[in-house]
């Protein structure tokens, strides 16, 4: 469970020497993912590629894919009137 008062997702890379690298605000490794705070982030199994699912307090779930060095939204399922996706 992730508590993030911001609406962003930040990706860190583990370098070969064991240190973590972050590209910083505005870089390809940080982007606004939701209209409200991000509550959960989950990576897909590597066999499916570089995919991340995020969920926010805005009640949205978004699937992201890494393309050309940055993450792009693949899908954001819509809520129906009865509250189910």
PDB file of N, CA and C in Angstrom:
ATOM      1  N   UNK A   1       0.860  -1.177   0.000  1.00  0.00           N
ATOM      2  CA  UNK A   1       0.000   0.000   0.000  1.00  0.00           C
ATOM      3  C   UNK A   1       0.900   1.231   0.000  1.00  0.00           C
ATOM      4  N   UNK A   2       0.609   2.164  -0.854  1.00  0.00           N
ATOM      5  CA  UNK A   2       1.434   3.363  -0.984  1.00  0.00           C
ATOM      6  C   UNK A   2       0.624   4.583  -0.578  1.00  0.00           C
ATOM      7  N   UNK A   3       1.193   5.403   0.269  1.00  0.00           N
ATOM      8  CA  UNK A   3       0.547   6.664   0.624  1.00  0.00           C
ATOM      9  C   UNK A   3       1.322   7.774  -0.057  1.00  0.00           C
ATOM     10  N   UNK A   4       0.687   8.442  -0.985  1.00  0.00           N
ATOM     11  CA  UNK A   4       1.337   9.477  -1.775  1.00  0.00           C
ATOM     12  C   UNK A   4       0.369  10.646  -1.884  1.00  0.00           C
ATOM     13  N   UNK A   5       0.593  11.737  -1.131  1.00  0.00           N
ATOM     14  CA  UNK A   5      -0.331  12.860  -1.206  1.00  0.00           C
ATOM     15  C   UNK A   5      -0.317  13.525  -2.579  1.00  0.00           C
ATOM     16  N   UNK A   6       0.711  13.245  -3.329  1.00  0.00           N
ATOM     17  CA  UNK A   6       0.780  13.763  -4.692  1.00  0.00           C
ATOM     18  C   UNK A   6       0.002  12.838  -5.614  1.00  0.00           C
ATOM     19  N   UNK A   7      -0.153  13.271  -6.814  1.00  0.00           N
ATOM     20  CA  UNK A   7      -0.866  12.471  -7.798  1.00  0.00           C
ATOM     21  C   UNK A   7       0.103  11.805  -8.765  1.00  0.00           C
ATOM     22  N   UNK A   8       1.352  11.701  -8.340  1.00  0.00           N
ATOM     23  CA  UNK A   8       2.396  11.223  -9.233  1.00  0.00           C
ATOM     24  C   UNK A   8       2.886   9.822  -8.895  1.00  0.00           C
ATOM     25  N   UNK A   9       3.498   9.209  -9.894  1.00  0.00           N
ATOM     26  CA  UNK A   9       4.218   7.946  -9.730  1.00  0.00           C
ATOM     27  C   UNK A   9       5.682   8.261 -10.012  1.00  0.00           C
ATOM     28  N   UNK A  10       6.558   7.702  -9.197  1.00  0.00           N
ATOM     29  CA  UNK A  10       8.007   7.887  -9.385  1.00  0.00           C
ATOM     30  C   UNK A  10       8.654   6.520  -9.523  1.00  0.00           C
ATOM     31  N   UNK A  11       9.492   6.386 -10.535  1.00  0.00           N
ATOM     32  CA  UNK A  11      10.193   5.131 -10.785  1.00  0.00           C
ATOM     33  C   UNK A  11      11.671   5.327 -10.473  1.00  0.00           C
ATOM     34  N   UNK A  12      12.212   4.378  -9.710  1.00  0.00           N
ATOM     35  CA  UNK A  12      13.629   4.390  -9.370  1.00  0.00           C
ATOM     36  C   UNK A  12      14.275   3.176 -10.032  1.00  0.00           C
ATOM     37  N   UNK A  13      15.519   3.327 -10.478  1.00  0.00           N
ATOM     38  CA  UNK A  13      16.274   2.232 -11.082  1.00  0.00           C
ATOM     39  C   UNK A  13      17.336   1.749 -10.100  1.00  0.00           C
ATOM     40  N   UNK A  14      17.516   0.421 -10.051  1.00  0.00           N
ATOM     41  CA  UNK A  14      18.575  -0.175  -9.241  1.00  0.00           C
ATOM     42  C   UNK A  14      19.792  -0.353 -10.142  1.00  0.00           C
ATOM     43  N   UNK A  15      20.860   0.384  -9.849  1.00  0.00           N
ATOM     44  CA  UNK A  15      22.079   0.317 -10.651  1.00  0.00           C
ATOM     45  C   UNK A  15      22.846  -0.975 -10.375  1.00  0.00           C
ATOM     46  N   UNK A  16      23.767  -1.295 -11.253  1.00  0.00           N
ATOM     47  CA  UNK A  16      24.554  -2.524 -11.104  1.00  0.00           C
ATOM     48  C   UNK A  16      25.391  -2.526  -9.826  1.00  0.00           C
ATOM     49  N   UNK A  17      25.695  -1.335  -9.284  1.00  0.00           N
ATOM     50  CA  UNK A  17      26.470  -1.262  -8.036  1.00  0.00           C
ATOM     51  C   UNK A  17      25.583  -1.321  -6.793  1.00  0.00           C
ATOM     52  N   UNK A  18      24.275  -1.495  -6.993  1.00  0.00           N
ATOM     53  CA  UNK A  18      23.356  -1.622  -5.863  1.00  0.00           C
ATOM     54  C   UNK A  18      22.764  -0.319  -5.374  1.00  0.00           C
ATOM     55  N   UNK A  19      23.058   0.789  -6.047  1.00  0.00           N
ATOM     56  CA  UNK A  19      22.495   2.071  -5.621  1.00  0.00           C
ATOM     57  C   UNK A  19      21.240   2.388  -6.449  1.00  0.00           C
ATOM     58  N   UNK A  20      20.349   3.171  -5.837  1.00  0.00           N
ATOM     59  CA  UNK A  20      19.102   3.554  -6.496  1.00  0.00           C
ATOM     60  C   UNK A  20      19.262   4.901  -7.173  1.00  0.00           C
ATOM     61  N   UNK A  21      18.738   5.023  -8.402  1.00  0.00           N
ATOM     62  CA  UNK A  21      18.839   6.254  -9.171  1.00  0.00           C
ATOM     63  C   UNK A  21      17.444   6.755  -9.512  1.00  0.00           C
ATOM     64  N   UNK A  22      17.231   8.037  -9.277  1.00  0.00           N
ATOM     65  CA  UNK A  22      15.961   8.681  -9.600  1.00  0.00           C
ATOM     66  C   UNK A  22      16.233   9.852 -10.528  1.00  0.00           C
ATOM     67  N   UNK A  23      15.456   9.964 -11.601  1.00  0.00           N
ATOM     68  CA  UNK A  23      15.715  11.021 -12.596  1.00  0.00           C
ATOM     69  C   UNK A  23      15.234  12.395 -12.155  1.00  0.00           C
ATOM     70  N   UNK A  24      14.399  12.465 -11.141  1.00  0.00           N
ATOM     71  CA  UNK A  24      13.965  13.752 -10.622  1.00  0.00           C
ATOM     72  C   UNK A  24      12.662  14.247 -11.213  1.00  0.00           C
ATOM     73  N   UNK A  25      12.065  15.261 -10.602  1.00  0.00           N
ATOM     74  CA  UNK A  25      10.786  15.802 -11.056  1.00  0.00           C
ATOM     75  C   UNK A  25      10.822  16.219 -12.520  1.00  0.00           C
ATOM     76  N   UNK A  26       9.727  15.896 -13.198  1.00  0.00           N
ATOM     77  CA  UNK A  26       9.601  16.286 -14.593  1.00  0.00           C
ATOM     78  C   UNK A  26      10.308  15.357 -15.557  1.00  0.00           C
ATOM     79  N   UNK A  27      11.060  14.399 -15.052  1.00  0.00           N
ATOM     80  CA  UNK A  27      11.746  13.460 -15.923  1.00  0.00           C
ATOM     81  C   UNK A  27      10.822  12.331 -16.357  1.00  0.00           C
ATOM     82  N   UNK A  28      11.351  11.436 -17.155  1.00  0.00           N
ATOM     83  CA  UNK A  28      10.570  10.316 -17.670  1.00  0.00           C
ATOM     84  C   UNK A  28      10.166   9.346 -16.564  1.00  0.00           C
ATOM     85  N   UNK A  29      10.834   9.422 -15.417  1.00  0.00           N
ATOM     86  CA  UNK A  29      10.549   8.506 -14.324  1.00  0.00           C
ATOM     87  C   UNK A  29       9.535   9.045 -13.325  1.00  0.00           C
ATOM     88  N   UNK A  30       8.884  10.163 -13.637  1.00  0.00           N
ATOM     89  CA  UNK A  30       7.837  10.702 -12.767  1.00  0.00           C
ATOM     90  C   UNK A  30       6.746  11.311 -13.642  1.00  0.00           C
ATOM     91  N   UNK A  31       5.504  10.997 -13.322  1.00  0.00           N
ATOM     92  CA  UNK A  31       4.396  11.560 -14.085  1.00  0.00           C
ATOM     93  C   UNK A  31       3.134  11.590 -13.227  1.00  0.00           C
ATOM     94  N   UNK A  32       2.217  12.494 -13.572  1.00  0.00           N
ATOM     95  CA  UNK A  32       0.937  12.550 -12.871  1.00  0.00           C
ATOM     96  C   UNK A  32       0.088  11.388 -13.350  1.00  0.00           C
ATOM     97  N   UNK A  33      -0.326  10.553 -12.417  1.00  0.00           N
ATOM     98  CA  UNK A  33      -1.064   9.341 -12.749  1.00  0.00           C
ATOM     99  C   UNK A  33      -2.556   9.455 -12.460  1.00  0.00           C
ATOM    100  N   UNK A  34      -2.931  10.326 -11.506  1.00  0.00           N
ATOM    101  CA  UNK A  34      -4.320  10.394 -11.068  1.00  0.00           C
ATOM    102  C   UNK A  34      -4.726  11.818 -10.709  1.00  0.00           C
ATOM    103  N   UNK A  35      -6.031  12.016 -10.556  1.00  0.00           N
ATOM    104  CA  UNK A  35      -6.580  13.313 -10.144  1.00  0.00           C
ATOM    105  C   UNK A  35      -6.518  13.477  -8.631  1.00  0.00           C
ATOM    106  N   UNK A  36      -6.327  12.381  -7.921  1.00  0.00           N
ATOM    107  CA  UNK A  36      -6.181  12.380  -6.471  1.00  0.00           C
ATOM    108  C   UNK A  36      -4.927  11.599  -6.105  1.00  0.00           C
ATOM    109  N   UNK A  37      -4.627  11.477  -4.809  1.00  0.00           N
ATOM    110  CA  UNK A  37      -3.428  10.760  -4.387  1.00  0.00           C
ATOM    111  C   UNK A  37      -3.387   9.319  -4.917  1.00  0.00           C
ATOM    112  N   UNK A  38      -2.182   8.873  -5.270  1.00  0.00           N
ATOM    113  CA  UNK A  38      -1.957   7.492  -5.706  1.00  0.00           C
ATOM    114  C   UNK A  38      -2.002   6.601  -4.465  1.00  0.00           C
ATOM    115  N   UNK A  39      -2.775   5.531  -4.521  1.00  0.00           N
ATOM    116  CA  UNK A  39      -2.933   4.635  -3.371  1.00  0.00           C
ATOM    117  C   UNK A  39      -2.221   3.302  -3.548  1.00  0.00           C
ATOM    118  N   UNK A  40      -2.032   2.857  -4.808  1.00  0.00           N
ATOM    119  CA  UNK A  40      -1.443   1.536  -5.027  1.00  0.00           C
ATOM    120  C   UNK A  40      -0.742   1.507  -6.382  1.00  0.00           C
ATOM    121  N   UNK A  41       0.412   0.836  -6.425  1.00  0.00           N
ATOM    122  CA  UNK A  41       1.154   0.622  -7.662  1.00  0.00           C
ATOM    123  C   UNK A  41       1.562  -0.843  -7.702  1.00  0.00           C
ATOM    124  N   UNK A  42       1.402  -1.478  -8.875  1.00  0.00           N
ATOM    125  CA  UNK A  42       1.772  -2.886  -8.994  1.00  0.00           C
ATOM    126  C   UNK A  42       2.395  -3.128 -10.363  1.00  0.00           C
ATOM    127  N   UNK A  43       3.557  -3.803 -10.380  1.00  0.00           N
ATOM    128  CA  UNK A  43       4.225  -4.162 -11.631  1.00  0.00           C
ATOM    129  C   UNK A  43       3.649  -5.465 -12.151  1.00  0.00           C
ATOM    130  N   UNK A  44       3.511  -5.573 -13.460  1.00  0.00           N
ATOM    131  CA  UNK A  44       3.119  -6.839 -14.081  1.00  0.00           C
ATOM    132  C   UNK A  44       4.334  -7.753 -14.152  1.00  0.00           C
ATOM    133  N   UNK A  45       4.086  -9.042 -14.310  1.00  0.00           N
ATOM    134  CA  UNK A  45       5.173 -10.006 -14.492  1.00  0.00           C
ATOM    135  C   UNK A  45       5.953  -9.606 -15.750  1.00  0.00           C
ATOM    136  N   UNK A  46       7.291  -9.710 -15.727  1.00  0.00           N
ATOM    137  CA  UNK A  46       8.107  -9.284 -16.866  1.00  0.00           C
ATOM    138  C   UNK A  46       7.732  -9.923 -18.205  1.00  0.00           C
ATOM    139  N   UNK A  47       7.117 -11.097 -18.189  1.00  0.00           N
ATOM    140  CA  UNK A  47       6.737 -11.736 -19.456  1.00  0.00           C
ATOM    141  C   UNK A  47       5.716 -10.894 -20.232  1.00  0.00           C
ATOM    142  N   UNK A  48       5.050  -9.944 -19.558  1.00  0.00           N
ATOM    143  CA  UNK A  48       4.063  -9.090 -20.206  1.00  0.00           C
ATOM    144  C   UNK A  48       4.649  -7.746 -20.639  1.00  0.00           C
ATOM    145  N   UNK A  49       5.942  -7.531 -20.407  1.00  0.00           N
ATOM    146  CA  UNK A  49       6.583  -6.273 -20.755  1.00  0.00           C
ATOM    147  C   UNK A  49       6.687  -5.361 -19.552  1.00  0.00           C
ATOM    148  N   UNK A  50       6.973  -4.100 -19.795  1.00  0.00           N
ATOM    149  CA  UNK A  50       7.118  -3.103 -18.736  1.00  0.00           C
ATOM    150  C   UNK A  50       5.760  -2.466 -18.465  1.00  0.00           C
ATOM    151  N   UNK A  51       4.917  -3.152 -17.718  1.00  0.00           N
ATOM    152  CA  UNK A  51       3.572  -2.669 -17.405  1.00  0.00           C
ATOM    153  C   UNK A  51       3.427  -2.396 -15.916  1.00  0.00           C
ATOM    154  N   UNK A  52       2.727  -1.306 -15.601  1.00  0.00           N
ATOM    155  CA  UNK A  52       2.426  -0.928 -14.221  1.00  0.00           C
ATOM    156  C   UNK A  52       0.929  -0.632 -14.138  1.00  0.00           C
ATOM    157  N   UNK A  53       0.303  -1.061 -13.052  1.00  0.00           N
ATOM    158  CA  UNK A  53      -1.080  -0.682 -12.770  1.00  0.00           C
ATOM    159  C   UNK A  53      -1.059   0.253 -11.570  1.00  0.00           C
ATOM    160  N   UNK A  54      -1.805   1.351 -11.659  1.00  0.00           N
ATOM    161  CA  UNK A  54      -1.917   2.282 -10.536  1.00  0.00           C
ATOM    162  C   UNK A  54      -3.387   2.458 -10.180  1.00  0.00           C
ATOM    163  N   UNK A  55      -3.630   2.728  -8.905  1.00  0.00           N
ATOM    164  CA  UNK A  55      -4.974   3.045  -8.424  1.00  0.00           C
ATOM    165  C   UNK A  55      -4.871   4.290  -7.563  1.00  0.00           C
ATOM    166  N   UNK A  56      -5.859   5.165  -7.689  1.00  0.00           N
ATOM    167  CA  UNK A  56      -5.825   6.413  -6.941  1.00  0.00           C
ATOM    168  C   UNK A  56      -7.095   6.651  -6.155  1.00  0.00           C
ATOM    169  N   UNK A  57      -7.053   7.679  -5.303  1.00  0.00           N
ATOM    170  CA  UNK A  57      -8.231   8.044  -4.522  1.00  0.00           C
ATOM    171  C   UNK A  57      -9.326   8.619  -5.414  1.00  0.00           C
ATOM    172  N   UNK A  58      -9.012   8.862  -6.687  1.00  0.00           N
ATOM    173  CA  UNK A  58     -10.017   9.315  -7.645  1.00  0.00           C
ATOM    174  C   UNK A  58     -10.861   8.148  -8.164  1.00  0.00           C
ATOM    175  N   UNK A  59     -10.637   6.949  -7.591  1.00  0.00           N
ATOM    176  CA  UNK A  59     -11.369   5.729  -7.934  1.00  0.00           C
ATOM    177  C   UNK A  59     -11.049   5.235  -9.332  1.00  0.00           C
ATOM    178  N   UNK A  60      -9.915   5.648  -9.887  1.00  0.00           N
ATOM    179  CA  UNK A  60      -9.489   5.205 -11.212  1.00  0.00           C
ATOM    180  C   UNK A  60      -8.351   4.201 -11.082  1.00  0.00           C
ATOM    181  N   UNK A  61      -8.331   3.251 -11.996  1.00  0.00           N
ATOM    182  CA  UNK A  61      -7.232   2.304 -12.143  1.00  0.00           C
ATOM    183  C   UNK A  61      -6.688   2.516 -13.551  1.00  0.00           C
ATOM    184  N   UNK A  62      -5.374   2.666 -13.678  1.00  0.00           N
ATOM    185  CA  UNK A  62      -4.781   2.906 -14.988  1.00  0.00           C
ATOM    186  C   UNK A  62      -3.651   1.912 -15.217  1.00  0.00           C
ATOM    187  N   UNK A  63      -3.569   1.412 -16.445  1.00  0.00           N
ATOM    188  CA  UNK A  63      -2.481   0.532 -16.864  1.00  0.00           C
ATOM    189  C   UNK A  63      -1.511   1.375 -17.684  1.00  0.00           C
ATOM    190  N   UNK A  64      -0.222   1.306 -17.328  1.00  0.00           N
ATOM    191  CA  UNK A  64       0.832   2.093 -17.977  1.00  0.00           C
ATOM    192  C   UNK A  64       1.836   1.147 -18.617  1.00  0.00           C
ATOM    193  N   UNK A  65       2.382   1.560 -19.765  1.00  0.00           N
ATOM    194  CA  UNK A  65       3.426   0.782 -20.435  1.00  0.00           C
ATOM    195  C   UNK A  65       4.609   1.686 -20.730  1.00  0.00           C
ATOM    196  N   UNK A  66       5.818   1.160 -20.481  1.00  0.00           N
ATOM    197  CA  UNK A  66       7.014   1.928 -20.808  1.00  0.00           C
ATOM    198  C   UNK A  66       7.251   1.843 -22.311  1.00  0.00           C
ATOM    199  N   UNK A  67       7.315   3.026 -22.946  1.00  0.00           N
ATOM    200  CA  UNK A  67       7.582   3.127 -24.387  1.00  0.00           C
ATOM    201  C   UNK A  67       8.562   4.261 -24.610  1.00  0.00           C
ATOM    202  N   UNK A  68       9.617   3.976 -25.330  1.00  0.00           N
ATOM    203  CA  UNK A  68      10.609   5.000 -25.673  1.00  0.00           C
ATOM    204  C   UNK A  68      11.114   5.764 -24.454  1.00  0.00           C
ATOM    205  N   UNK A  69      11.317   5.055 -23.346  1.00  0.00           N
ATOM    206  CA  UNK A  69      11.912   5.658 -22.163  1.00  0.00           C
ATOM    207  C   UNK A  69      10.968   6.368 -21.217  1.00  0.00           C
ATOM    208  N   UNK A  70       9.657   6.374 -21.508  1.00  0.00           N
ATOM    209  CA  UNK A  70       8.700   6.965 -20.575  1.00  0.00           C
ATOM    210  C   UNK A  70       7.439   6.096 -20.546  1.00  0.00           C
ATOM    211  N   UNK A  71       6.613   6.306 -19.540  1.00  0.00           N
ATOM    212  CA  UNK A  71       5.405   5.501 -19.383  1.00  0.00           C
ATOM    213  C   UNK A  71       4.201   6.200 -20.004  1.00  0.00           C
ATOM    214  N   UNK A  72       3.428   5.444 -20.774  1.00  0.00           N
ATOM    215  CA  UNK A  72       2.225   5.944 -21.450  1.00  0.00           C
ATOM    216  C   UNK A  72       1.024   5.145 -20.969  1.00  0.00           C
ATOM    217  N   UNK A  73      -0.110   5.816 -20.836  1.00  0.00           N
ATOM    218  CA  UNK A  73      -1.340   5.166 -20.403  1.00  0.00           C
ATOM    219  C   UNK A  73      -1.868   4.255 -21.510  1.00  0.00           C
ATOM    220  N   UNK A  74      -2.111   2.995 -21.164  1.00  0.00           N
ATOM    221  CA  UNK A  74      -2.713   2.045 -22.097  1.00  0.00           C
ATOM    222  C   UNK A  74      -4.220   1.995 -21.934  1.00  0.00           C
ATOM    223  N   UNK A  75      -4.680   2.030 -20.676  1.00  0.00           N
ATOM    224  CA  UNK A  75      -6.110   1.891 -20.425  1.00  0.00           C
ATOM    225  C   UNK A  75      -6.474   2.443 -19.062  1.00  0.00           C
ATOM    226  N   UNK A  76      -7.647   3.060 -18.997  1.00  0.00           N
ATOM    227  CA  UNK A  76      -8.262   3.477 -17.745  1.00  0.00           C
ATOM    228  C   UNK A  76      -9.726   3.051 -17.822  1.00  0.00           C
ATOM    229  N   UNK A  77     -10.046   1.902 -17.250  1.00  0.00           N
ATOM    230  CA  UNK A  77     -11.439   1.435 -17.311  1.00  0.00           C
ATOM    231  C   UNK A  77     -12.396   2.453 -16.708  1.00  0.00           C
ATOM    232  N   UNK A  78     -13.555   2.574 -17.290  1.00  0.00           N
ATOM    233  CA  UNK A  78     -14.567   3.524 -16.825  1.00  0.00           C
ATOM    234  C   UNK A  78     -15.464   2.880 -15.770  1.00  0.00           C
ATOM    235  N   UNK A  79     -15.936   3.702 -14.841  1.00  0.00           N
ATOM    236  CA  UNK A  79     -16.913   3.236 -13.844  1.00  0.00           C
ATOM    237  C   UNK A  79     -18.294   3.299 -14.469  1.00  0.00           C
ATOM    238  N   UNK A  80     -19.103   2.328 -14.123  1.00  0.00           N
ATOM    239  CA  UNK A  80     -20.486   2.324 -14.586  1.00  0.00           C
ATOM    240  C   UNK A  80     -21.370   2.961 -13.534  1.00  0.00           C
ATOM    241  N   UNK A  81     -22.629   3.184 -13.840  1.00  0.00           N
ATOM    242  CA  UNK A  81     -23.537   3.837 -12.894  1.00  0.00           C
ATOM    243  C   UNK A  81     -23.744   3.015 -11.625  1.00  0.00           C
ATOM    244  N   UNK A  82     -23.538   1.683 -11.699  1.00  0.00           N
ATOM    245  CA  UNK A  82     -23.690   0.856 -10.496  1.00  0.00           C
ATOM    246  C   UNK A  82     -22.379   0.719  -9.735  1.00  0.00           C
ATOM    247  N   UNK A  83     -21.327   1.435 -10.198  1.00  0.00           N
ATOM    248  CA  UNK A  83     -20.068   1.479  -9.457  1.00  0.00           C
ATOM    249  C   UNK A  83     -19.056   0.423  -9.823  1.00  0.00           C
ATOM    250  N   UNK A  84     -19.339  -0.437 -10.787  1.00  0.00           N
ATOM    251  CA  UNK A  84     -18.414  -1.468 -11.186  1.00  0.00           C
ATOM    252  C   UNK A  84     -17.684  -1.084 -12.461  1.00  0.00           C
ATOM    253  N   UNK A  85     -16.447  -1.573 -12.593  1.00  0.00           N
ATOM    254  CA  UNK A  85     -15.673  -1.298 -13.807  1.00  0.00           C
ATOM    255  C   UNK A  85     -16.059  -2.256 -14.902  1.00  0.00           C
TER     256      UNK A  85
END
